Amino acid sequence: MSKTILSVDDSASALQMIKLALAGAGYQVVQASNGAEGLAKARAAAVDMVLTDLNMPVMDGLSLIRELRKLPSFKGVPIVFLTTESDAGMKAQAKAAGATGWITKPFQQDQLLAVVRKVLGA
């Protein structure tokens, strides 16, 4: 059975690139355009991993991670930031909130897949 990944980003082009990369590698992809929508989708269906942008309207990625980590079903789910931010302080905040990893945009497809495989143990 393939793994399901929730991709949360306010950029339609980023969502499309992520979906192409992940679906092409055999993953199921659920998409959301902001943190609040992502949280709702995460509550509605089981996912194996979350990829989230940081800067989004309605609810940012940091808030999304904090909310997901409050849910018992998300205690062990890998959550990776996929963002243009590369500030060390922001990375520390993300780690403290419960982020598993960090990928800086723009990303290479093989880099994204390598991180996904690593955190999913595949």
N, C-alpha and C. Protein backbone atom coordinates (compact mmCIF):
# COMPACT_ATOMS: atom_id res chain seq x y z
N MET A 1 0.84 -1.19 0.00
CA MET A 1 0.00 0.00 0.00
C MET A 1 0.88 1.25 0.00
N SER A 2 0.51 2.23 -0.82
CA SER A 2 1.35 3.42 -0.90
C SER A 2 1.09 4.37 0.27
N LYS A 3 2.08 5.15 0.57
CA LYS A 3 2.00 6.12 1.67
C LYS A 3 1.26 7.37 1.18
N THR A 4 0.55 8.01 2.11
CA THR A 4 -0.19 9.23 1.79
C THR A 4 0.52 10.43 2.42
N ILE A 5 0.74 11.45 1.60
CA ILE A 5 1.44 12.65 2.05
C ILE A 5 0.53 13.86 1.89
N LEU A 6 0.40 14.63 2.95
CA LEU A 6 -0.36 15.87 2.92
C LEU A 6 0.59 17.00 2.56
N SER A 7 0.29 17.70 1.47
CA SER A 7 1.11 18.82 1.01
C SER A 7 0.32 20.11 1.22
N VAL A 8 0.89 21.03 2.00
CA VAL A 8 0.20 22.28 2.34
C VAL A 8 1.04 23.47 1.87
N ASP A 9 0.49 24.24 0.92
CA ASP A 9 1.22 25.38 0.37
C ASP A 9 0.22 26.32 -0.28
N ASP A 10 0.42 27.63 -0.12
CA ASP A 10 -0.49 28.59 -0.74
C ASP A 10 -0.15 28.87 -2.19
N SER A 11 0.93 28.30 -2.69
CA SER A 11 1.32 28.46 -4.09
C SER A 11 0.82 27.28 -4.91
N ALA A 12 -0.06 27.57 -5.87
CA ALA A 12 -0.60 26.51 -6.72
C ALA A 12 0.51 25.83 -7.51
N SER A 13 1.50 26.59 -7.96
CA SER A 13 2.59 25.99 -8.75
C SER A 13 3.44 25.08 -7.88
N ALA A 14 3.67 25.47 -6.61
CA ALA A 14 4.44 24.61 -5.70
C ALA A 14 3.67 23.32 -5.43
N LEU A 15 2.36 23.42 -5.18
CA LEU A 15 1.55 22.22 -4.97
C LEU A 15 1.61 21.29 -6.17
N GLN A 16 1.56 21.88 -7.36
CA GLN A 16 1.60 21.07 -8.59
C GLN A 16 2.95 20.35 -8.73
N MET A 17 4.04 21.07 -8.47
CA MET A 17 5.37 20.46 -8.58
C MET A 17 5.56 19.34 -7.56
N ILE A 18 5.09 19.58 -6.34
CA ILE A 18 5.19 18.57 -5.28
C ILE A 18 4.38 17.33 -5.65
N LYS A 19 3.15 17.56 -6.13
CA LYS A 19 2.30 16.43 -6.49
C LYS A 19 2.90 15.62 -7.63
N LEU A 20 3.43 16.30 -8.64
CA LEU A 20 4.06 15.59 -9.77
C LEU A 20 5.22 14.72 -9.28
N ALA A 21 6.06 15.27 -8.42
CA ALA A 21 7.22 14.53 -7.92
C ALA A 21 6.79 13.33 -7.09
N LEU A 22 5.85 13.56 -6.16
CA LEU A 22 5.46 12.49 -5.24
C LEU A 22 4.59 11.43 -5.90
N ALA A 23 3.61 11.86 -6.70
CA ALA A 23 2.74 10.90 -7.38
C ALA A 23 3.55 10.06 -8.36
N GLY A 24 4.54 10.70 -9.01
CA GLY A 24 5.40 9.98 -9.94
C GLY A 24 6.22 8.90 -9.25
N ALA A 25 6.45 9.07 -7.94
CA ALA A 25 7.22 8.09 -7.17
C ALA A 25 6.30 7.10 -6.46
N GLY A 26 4.99 7.20 -6.74
CA GLY A 26 4.06 6.22 -6.19
C GLY A 26 3.34 6.60 -4.91
N TYR A 27 3.50 7.85 -4.47
CA TYR A 27 2.82 8.29 -3.25
C TYR A 27 1.44 8.86 -3.58
N GLN A 28 0.52 8.71 -2.62
CA GLN A 28 -0.78 9.38 -2.70
C GLN A 28 -0.57 10.78 -2.14
N VAL A 29 -1.17 11.79 -2.77
CA VAL A 29 -0.98 13.16 -2.32
C VAL A 29 -2.32 13.83 -2.04
N VAL A 30 -2.45 14.38 -0.82
CA VAL A 30 -3.61 15.18 -0.43
C VAL A 30 -3.09 16.61 -0.34
N GLN A 31 -3.84 17.58 -0.91
CA GLN A 31 -3.34 18.95 -0.95
C GLN A 31 -4.24 19.92 -0.21
N ALA A 32 -3.61 20.97 0.34
CA ALA A 32 -4.33 22.04 1.01
C ALA A 32 -3.60 23.35 0.71
N SER A 33 -4.35 24.46 0.65
CA SER A 33 -3.75 25.73 0.25
C SER A 33 -3.42 26.66 1.43
N ASN A 34 -3.70 26.22 2.66
CA ASN A 34 -3.27 26.97 3.84
C ASN A 34 -3.31 26.04 5.04
N GLY A 35 -2.77 26.51 6.16
CA GLY A 35 -2.66 25.67 7.35
C GLY A 35 -3.99 25.20 7.90
N ALA A 36 -5.00 26.07 7.87
CA ALA A 36 -6.32 25.69 8.41
C ALA A 36 -6.94 24.58 7.58
N GLU A 37 -6.83 24.70 6.27
CA GLU A 37 -7.34 23.65 5.37
C GLU A 37 -6.54 22.36 5.57
N GLY A 38 -5.23 22.51 5.73
CA GLY A 38 -4.37 21.35 5.97
C GLY A 38 -4.73 20.63 7.25
N LEU A 39 -5.00 21.39 8.30
CA LEU A 39 -5.39 20.81 9.58
C LEU A 39 -6.71 20.05 9.44
N ALA A 40 -7.66 20.63 8.74
CA ALA A 40 -8.96 19.98 8.52
C ALA A 40 -8.78 18.67 7.75
N LYS A 41 -7.94 18.69 6.72
CA LYS A 41 -7.71 17.47 5.93
C LYS A 41 -6.95 16.43 6.73
N ALA A 42 -6.04 16.87 7.59
CA ALA A 42 -5.28 15.94 8.43
C ALA A 42 -6.19 15.26 9.44
N ARG A 43 -7.18 15.99 9.92
CA ARG A 43 -8.14 15.41 10.86
C ARG A 43 -9.10 14.45 10.17
N ALA A 44 -9.36 14.69 8.89
CA ALA A 44 -10.37 13.92 8.15
C ALA A 44 -9.84 12.59 7.61
N ALA A 45 -8.55 12.51 7.34
CA ALA A 45 -8.00 11.30 6.74
C ALA A 45 -6.60 11.03 7.27
N ALA A 46 -6.26 9.76 7.40
CA ALA A 46 -4.93 9.40 7.89
C ALA A 46 -3.87 9.73 6.85
N VAL A 47 -2.80 10.38 7.28
CA VAL A 47 -1.67 10.64 6.39
C VAL A 47 -0.40 10.12 7.06
N ASP A 48 0.58 9.77 6.22
CA ASP A 48 1.83 9.21 6.71
C ASP A 48 2.91 10.27 6.91
N MET A 49 2.69 11.45 6.28
CA MET A 49 3.69 12.51 6.33
C MET A 49 3.02 13.82 5.94
N VAL A 50 3.58 14.93 6.44
CA VAL A 50 3.09 16.26 6.06
C VAL A 50 4.27 17.09 5.54
N LEU A 51 4.06 17.73 4.40
CA LEU A 51 4.99 18.71 3.85
C LEU A 51 4.27 20.04 3.93
N THR A 52 4.84 21.04 4.59
CA THR A 52 4.14 22.32 4.71
C THR A 52 5.05 23.51 4.45
N ASP A 53 4.45 24.50 3.82
CA ASP A 53 5.11 25.79 3.63
C ASP A 53 5.06 26.50 4.99
N LEU A 54 5.85 27.55 5.13
CA LEU A 54 5.83 28.32 6.37
C LEU A 54 4.87 29.50 6.27
N ASN A 55 5.09 30.35 5.27
CA ASN A 55 4.32 31.58 5.13
C ASN A 55 3.08 31.35 4.27
N MET A 56 1.91 31.31 4.92
CA MET A 56 0.64 31.10 4.23
C MET A 56 -0.43 31.95 4.91
N PRO A 57 -1.48 32.29 4.16
CA PRO A 57 -2.60 33.01 4.78
C PRO A 57 -3.43 32.08 5.66
N VAL A 58 -4.30 32.62 6.45
CA VAL A 58 -5.23 31.93 7.35
C VAL A 58 -4.51 31.28 8.53
N MET A 59 -3.62 30.33 8.27
CA MET A 59 -2.80 29.71 9.32
C MET A 59 -1.44 29.37 8.72
N ASP A 60 -0.37 29.84 9.34
CA ASP A 60 0.97 29.56 8.82
C ASP A 60 1.43 28.14 9.17
N GLY A 61 2.54 27.75 8.59
CA GLY A 61 3.04 26.40 8.78
C GLY A 61 3.45 26.08 10.21
N LEU A 62 4.01 27.06 10.91
CA LEU A 62 4.42 26.85 12.30
C LEU A 62 3.20 26.56 13.17
N SER A 63 2.14 27.33 12.98
CA SER A 63 0.90 27.11 13.73
C SER A 63 0.30 25.75 13.38
N LEU A 64 0.38 25.39 12.10
CA LEU A 64 -0.13 24.08 11.66
C LEU A 64 0.60 22.96 12.38
N ILE A 65 1.92 23.04 12.44
CA ILE A 65 2.70 21.99 13.11
C ILE A 65 2.31 21.90 14.59
N ARG A 66 2.18 23.04 15.24
CA ARG A 66 1.80 23.03 16.66
C ARG A 66 0.44 22.37 16.87
N GLU A 67 -0.51 22.67 15.98
CA GLU A 67 -1.85 22.08 16.08
C GLU A 67 -1.82 20.58 15.79
N LEU A 68 -1.07 20.18 14.77
CA LEU A 68 -0.98 18.75 14.44
C LEU A 68 -0.35 17.96 15.59
N ARG A 69 0.67 18.52 16.22
CA ARG A 69 1.37 17.81 17.30
C ARG A 69 0.49 17.65 18.54
N LYS A 70 -0.60 18.41 18.63
CA LYS A 70 -1.54 18.25 19.75
C LYS A 70 -2.44 17.02 19.53
N LEU A 71 -2.53 16.56 18.29
CA LEU A 71 -3.39 15.42 17.97
C LEU A 71 -2.65 14.12 18.25
N PRO A 72 -3.23 13.21 19.04
CA PRO A 72 -2.56 11.94 19.36
C PRO A 72 -2.13 11.17 18.10
N SER A 73 -2.91 11.23 17.04
CA SER A 73 -2.58 10.49 15.82
C SER A 73 -1.38 11.07 15.07
N PHE A 74 -0.91 12.25 15.46
CA PHE A 74 0.22 12.88 14.77
C PHE A 74 1.50 12.88 15.59
N LYS A 75 1.52 12.13 16.69
CA LYS A 75 2.72 12.10 17.55
C LYS A 75 3.95 11.62 16.77
N GLY A 76 3.79 10.60 15.95
CA GLY A 76 4.95 10.05 15.25
C GLY A 76 4.99 10.34 13.76
N VAL A 77 4.08 11.18 13.28
CA VAL A 77 4.03 11.49 11.84
C VAL A 77 5.10 12.52 11.49
N PRO A 78 5.95 12.22 10.51
CA PRO A 78 6.97 13.20 10.11
C PRO A 78 6.33 14.44 9.49
N ILE A 79 6.81 15.61 9.89
CA ILE A 79 6.35 16.87 9.32
C ILE A 79 7.58 17.63 8.85
N VAL A 80 7.62 17.94 7.55
CA VAL A 80 8.78 18.60 6.97
C VAL A 80 8.37 19.96 6.40
N PHE A 81 9.12 20.99 6.77
CA PHE A 81 8.91 22.31 6.19
C PHE A 81 9.49 22.33 4.79
N LEU A 82 8.77 22.94 3.87
CA LEU A 82 9.23 23.14 2.50
C LEU A 82 9.01 24.63 2.23
N THR A 83 10.05 25.44 2.40
CA THR A 83 9.88 26.89 2.42
C THR A 83 11.08 27.63 1.86
N THR A 84 10.87 28.89 1.51
CA THR A 84 11.98 29.74 1.05
C THR A 84 12.80 30.24 2.23
N GLU A 85 12.26 30.15 3.45
CA GLU A 85 12.96 30.60 4.65
C GLU A 85 14.17 29.70 4.94
N SER A 86 15.28 30.32 5.33
CA SER A 86 16.45 29.51 5.71
C SER A 86 17.10 30.05 6.98
N ASP A 87 16.38 30.93 7.69
CA ASP A 87 16.88 31.53 8.92
C ASP A 87 17.05 30.49 10.02
N ALA A 88 18.21 30.50 10.66
CA ALA A 88 18.50 29.52 11.72
C ALA A 88 17.52 29.64 12.90
N GLY A 89 17.13 30.84 13.24
CA GLY A 89 16.18 31.05 14.33
C GLY A 89 14.82 30.45 14.01
N MET A 90 14.40 30.61 12.75
CA MET A 90 13.13 30.05 12.32
C MET A 90 13.20 28.52 12.32
N LYS A 91 14.34 27.98 11.92
CA LYS A 91 14.52 26.52 11.94
C LYS A 91 14.43 26.00 13.37
N ALA A 92 14.99 26.74 14.30
CA ALA A 92 14.94 26.33 15.71
C ALA A 92 13.50 26.35 16.22
N GLN A 93 12.73 27.38 15.82
CA GLN A 93 11.32 27.45 16.21
C GLN A 93 10.55 26.27 15.63
N ALA A 94 10.85 25.95 14.38
CA ALA A 94 10.16 24.84 13.72
C ALA A 94 10.46 23.52 14.42
N LYS A 95 11.72 23.32 14.77
CA LYS A 95 12.12 22.09 15.47
C LYS A 95 11.43 22.00 16.82
N ALA A 96 11.38 23.14 17.54
CA ALA A 96 10.72 23.19 18.84
C ALA A 96 9.22 22.89 18.72
N ALA A 97 8.62 23.29 17.60
CA ALA A 97 7.19 23.06 17.37
C ALA A 97 6.91 21.60 17.01
N GLY A 98 7.95 20.89 16.56
CA GLY A 98 7.76 19.48 16.23
C GLY A 98 8.07 19.11 14.80
N ALA A 99 8.72 20.02 14.06
CA ALA A 99 9.09 19.70 12.67
C ALA A 99 10.18 18.64 12.67
N THR A 100 10.07 17.71 11.73
CA THR A 100 11.04 16.63 11.58
C THR A 100 12.23 17.07 10.75
N GLY A 101 11.96 17.92 9.75
CA GLY A 101 13.02 18.35 8.84
C GLY A 101 12.67 19.62 8.10
N TRP A 102 13.57 20.03 7.20
CA TRP A 102 13.45 21.32 6.53
C TRP A 102 14.03 21.19 5.13
N ILE A 103 13.27 21.60 4.12
CA ILE A 103 13.77 21.67 2.75
C ILE A 103 13.57 23.11 2.29
N THR A 104 14.62 23.70 1.73
CA THR A 104 14.53 25.08 1.26
C THR A 104 14.14 25.11 -0.22
N LYS A 105 13.16 25.96 -0.54
CA LYS A 105 12.75 26.18 -1.93
C LYS A 105 13.73 27.15 -2.56
N PRO A 106 13.97 27.08 -3.86
CA PRO A 106 13.44 26.04 -4.75
C PRO A 106 14.13 24.71 -4.48
N PHE A 107 13.39 23.63 -4.62
CA PHE A 107 13.94 22.31 -4.34
C PHE A 107 14.11 21.52 -5.63
N GLN A 108 14.99 20.54 -5.56
CA GLN A 108 15.15 19.61 -6.67
C GLN A 108 14.26 18.40 -6.38
N GLN A 109 13.66 17.84 -7.42
CA GLN A 109 12.76 16.70 -7.25
C GLN A 109 13.45 15.54 -6.53
N ASP A 110 14.69 15.24 -6.91
CA ASP A 110 15.39 14.11 -6.27
C ASP A 110 15.71 14.40 -4.81
N GLN A 111 15.94 15.68 -4.47
CA GLN A 111 16.19 16.07 -3.08
C GLN A 111 14.91 15.85 -2.26
N LEU A 112 13.77 16.28 -2.80
CA LEU A 112 12.49 16.10 -2.12
C LEU A 112 12.22 14.62 -1.88
N LEU A 113 12.39 13.81 -2.92
CA LEU A 113 12.12 12.37 -2.79
C LEU A 113 13.07 11.70 -1.81
N ALA A 114 14.32 12.14 -1.78
CA ALA A 114 15.30 11.56 -0.84
C ALA A 114 14.87 11.84 0.60
N VAL A 115 14.40 13.06 0.88
CA VAL A 115 13.97 13.42 2.23
C VAL A 115 12.70 12.63 2.59
N VAL A 116 11.77 12.56 1.65
CA VAL A 116 10.52 11.81 1.89
C VAL A 116 10.83 10.35 2.23
N ARG A 117 11.68 9.73 1.42
CA ARG A 117 12.03 8.31 1.66
C ARG A 117 12.72 8.14 3.01
N LYS A 118 13.59 9.10 3.35
CA LYS A 118 14.32 9.01 4.61
C LYS A 118 13.39 9.09 5.81
N VAL A 119 12.50 10.08 5.83
CA VAL A 119 11.64 10.24 7.00
C VAL A 119 10.53 9.18 7.07
N LEU A 120 10.17 8.63 5.92
CA LEU A 120 9.16 7.56 5.92
C LEU A 120 9.78 6.18 6.12
N GLY A 121 11.11 6.14 6.15
CA GLY A 121 11.80 4.87 6.36
C GLY A 121 11.68 3.93 5.18
N ALA A 122 11.54 4.52 3.97
CA ALA A 122 11.37 3.68 2.77
C ALA A 122 12.68 3.57 2.01
